[in-house]
Amino acid sequence: MSAHYGELGDLLAKLNCHFNCIGISETRSLVDGEAVPVSLEQKHDFPIHGYEKFFTPTESSAGGVSLYISESLSYKPRDDLSRSCYLSENLESIFVEIIIPNKANVIVGTIYRHQIGRAHV
């Protein structure tokens, strides 16, 4: 994420559009090897103004996912879904449920599946 953070900001400024959700894969946010992954990337790293960041780190040299949700929306993290779509060094995901009054809620997410045979850390 750090290598392209500036480019992402430039692209969003050029598009002049406020997206409700922005999903990013291959953030390469690493974990420290604990049984329950703890990210070296923090929630406040790589902010996008007007969005709250949710993320799942990776245990390999590639992967990691982030999801930015517009602060103008009502939402809740879906850790149950994020955990159910996590396989160490194979699959990472992050999900958030957008609350829409008087209608069905919408679940959005970002998923990264590692390539088979890809070298891992």
Protein backbone atom coordinates (compact mmCIF):
# COMPACT_ATOMS: atom_id res chain seq x y z
CA MET A 1 0.00 0.00 0.00
CA SER A 2 2.80 2.39 0.85
CA ALA A 3 4.25 2.19 -2.68
CA HIS A 4 1.04 3.42 -4.33
CA TYR A 5 -0.67 5.48 -1.63
CA GLY A 6 0.17 8.78 -3.33
CA GLU A 7 -1.03 7.48 -6.70
CA LEU A 8 -4.34 6.44 -5.14
CA GLY A 9 -4.85 9.92 -3.70
CA ASP A 10 -4.04 11.50 -7.07
CA LEU A 11 -6.46 9.17 -8.88
CA LEU A 12 -9.30 9.90 -6.45
CA ALA A 13 -8.70 13.66 -6.83
CA LYS A 14 -8.73 13.43 -10.64
CA LEU A 15 -11.94 11.38 -10.69
CA ASN A 16 -13.67 14.03 -8.60
CA CYS A 17 -16.14 11.40 -7.39
CA HIS A 18 -16.95 10.35 -3.84
CA PHE A 19 -17.29 6.57 -3.81
CA ASN A 20 -19.28 4.90 -1.03
CA CYS A 21 -16.72 2.09 -0.75
CA ILE A 22 -13.16 1.57 -1.94
CA GLY A 23 -11.65 -1.91 -1.79
CA ILE A 24 -7.92 -2.52 -2.15
CA SER A 25 -6.10 -5.84 -2.36
CA GLU A 26 -2.40 -6.69 -2.08
CA THR A 27 -1.86 -4.02 0.55
CA ARG A 28 1.00 -6.14 1.89
CA SER A 29 0.01 -5.26 5.45
CA LEU A 30 1.97 -7.82 7.43
CA VAL A 31 1.22 -9.69 10.64
CA ASP A 32 3.62 -10.32 13.47
CA GLY A 33 3.14 -14.08 13.61
CA GLU A 34 0.93 -14.17 16.73
CA ALA A 35 -1.81 -16.80 16.87
CA VAL A 36 -4.37 -14.03 16.38
CA PRO A 37 -2.90 -11.80 13.65
CA VAL A 38 -1.95 -8.30 14.76
CA SER A 39 -1.21 -5.88 11.95
CA LEU A 40 1.87 -3.74 11.67
CA GLU A 41 -0.30 -1.43 9.61
CA GLN A 42 -2.65 0.48 11.84
CA LYS A 43 -6.15 1.76 11.21
CA HIS A 44 -4.81 5.33 10.93
CA ASP A 45 -2.11 4.45 8.36
CA PHE A 46 -2.89 5.40 4.76
CA PRO A 47 -6.02 7.44 5.53
CA ILE A 48 -8.44 8.66 2.88
CA HIS A 49 -10.29 11.78 3.99
CA GLY A 50 -13.99 11.09 4.57
CA TYR A 51 -13.58 7.31 4.92
CA GLU A 52 -13.14 4.83 7.73
CA LYS A 53 -10.60 2.11 7.06
CA PHE A 54 -11.04 -1.59 7.77
CA PHE A 55 -8.30 -4.09 6.96
CA THR A 56 -7.04 -7.64 7.22
CA PRO A 57 -3.28 -8.21 7.14
CA THR A 58 -1.40 -10.99 5.40
CA GLU A 59 1.07 -13.61 6.64
CA SER A 60 2.91 -13.81 3.31
CA SER A 61 4.88 -11.58 0.95
CA ALA A 62 1.72 -10.67 -1.00
CA GLY A 63 -1.89 -10.17 -0.06
CA GLY A 64 -3.62 -8.17 2.62
CA VAL A 65 -6.86 -6.30 2.01
CA SER A 66 -8.37 -2.95 2.97
CA LEU A 67 -11.85 -1.55 2.68
CA TYR A 68 -12.62 2.15 2.99
CA ILE A 69 -16.24 3.04 3.81
CA SER A 70 -17.62 6.56 3.43
CA GLU A 71 -18.20 8.19 6.80
CA SER A 72 -21.55 9.44 5.43
CA LEU A 73 -22.91 5.87 5.63
CA SER A 74 -24.11 3.85 8.59
CA TYR A 75 -22.19 0.58 8.77
CA LYS A 76 -20.90 -2.17 10.99
CA PRO A 77 -17.88 -4.44 10.57
CA ARG A 78 -18.68 -8.08 9.78
CA ASP A 79 -15.79 -9.79 11.54
CA ASP A 80 -17.72 -13.07 11.39
CA LEU A 81 -17.55 -13.03 7.59
CA SER A 82 -13.96 -11.79 7.51
CA ARG A 83 -12.86 -14.63 9.80
CA SER A 84 -14.82 -17.25 7.86
CA CYS A 85 -13.06 -16.20 4.62
CA TYR A 86 -9.53 -16.36 6.03
CA LEU A 87 -7.04 -19.15 5.33
CA SER A 88 -3.49 -18.45 6.42
CA GLU A 89 -1.32 -17.60 3.38
CA ASN A 90 -4.19 -18.53 1.02
CA LEU A 91 -7.16 -16.20 1.43
CA GLU A 92 -7.75 -12.86 3.15
CA SER A 93 -10.93 -10.82 3.30
CA ILE A 94 -12.63 -7.90 4.99
CA PHE A 95 -16.41 -7.30 5.08
CA VAL A 96 -18.63 -4.45 6.25
CA GLU A 97 -22.43 -4.30 6.35
CA ILE A 98 -23.93 -1.03 5.08
CA ILE A 99 -27.10 -0.19 7.02
CA ILE A 100 -29.88 1.10 4.77
CA PRO A 101 -32.95 2.22 6.72
CA ASN A 102 -36.24 0.61 5.62
CA LYS A 103 -34.44 -1.56 3.05
CA ALA A 104 -32.23 -4.61 2.99
CA ASN A 105 -28.70 -3.95 4.20
CA VAL A 106 -25.81 -4.43 1.79
CA ILE A 107 -22.63 -6.35 2.56
CA VAL A 108 -19.47 -5.19 0.80
CA GLY A 109 -16.06 -6.74 0.97
CA THR A 110 -12.60 -7.12 -0.44
CA ILE A 111 -11.15 -10.60 -0.97
CA TYR A 112 -7.64 -11.64 -1.98
CA ARG A 113 -6.82 -15.23 -2.97
CA HIS A 114 -3.14 -16.05 -3.27
CA GLN A 115 -1.87 -17.64 -6.44
CA ILE A 116 -1.27 -21.36 -6.15
CA GLY A 117 2.42 -22.07 -5.85
CA ARG A 118 3.35 -18.46 -5.08
CA ALA A 119 6.33 -18.13 -2.77
CA HIS A 120 5.41 -17.15 0.79
CA VAL A 121 7.44 -15.57 3.55
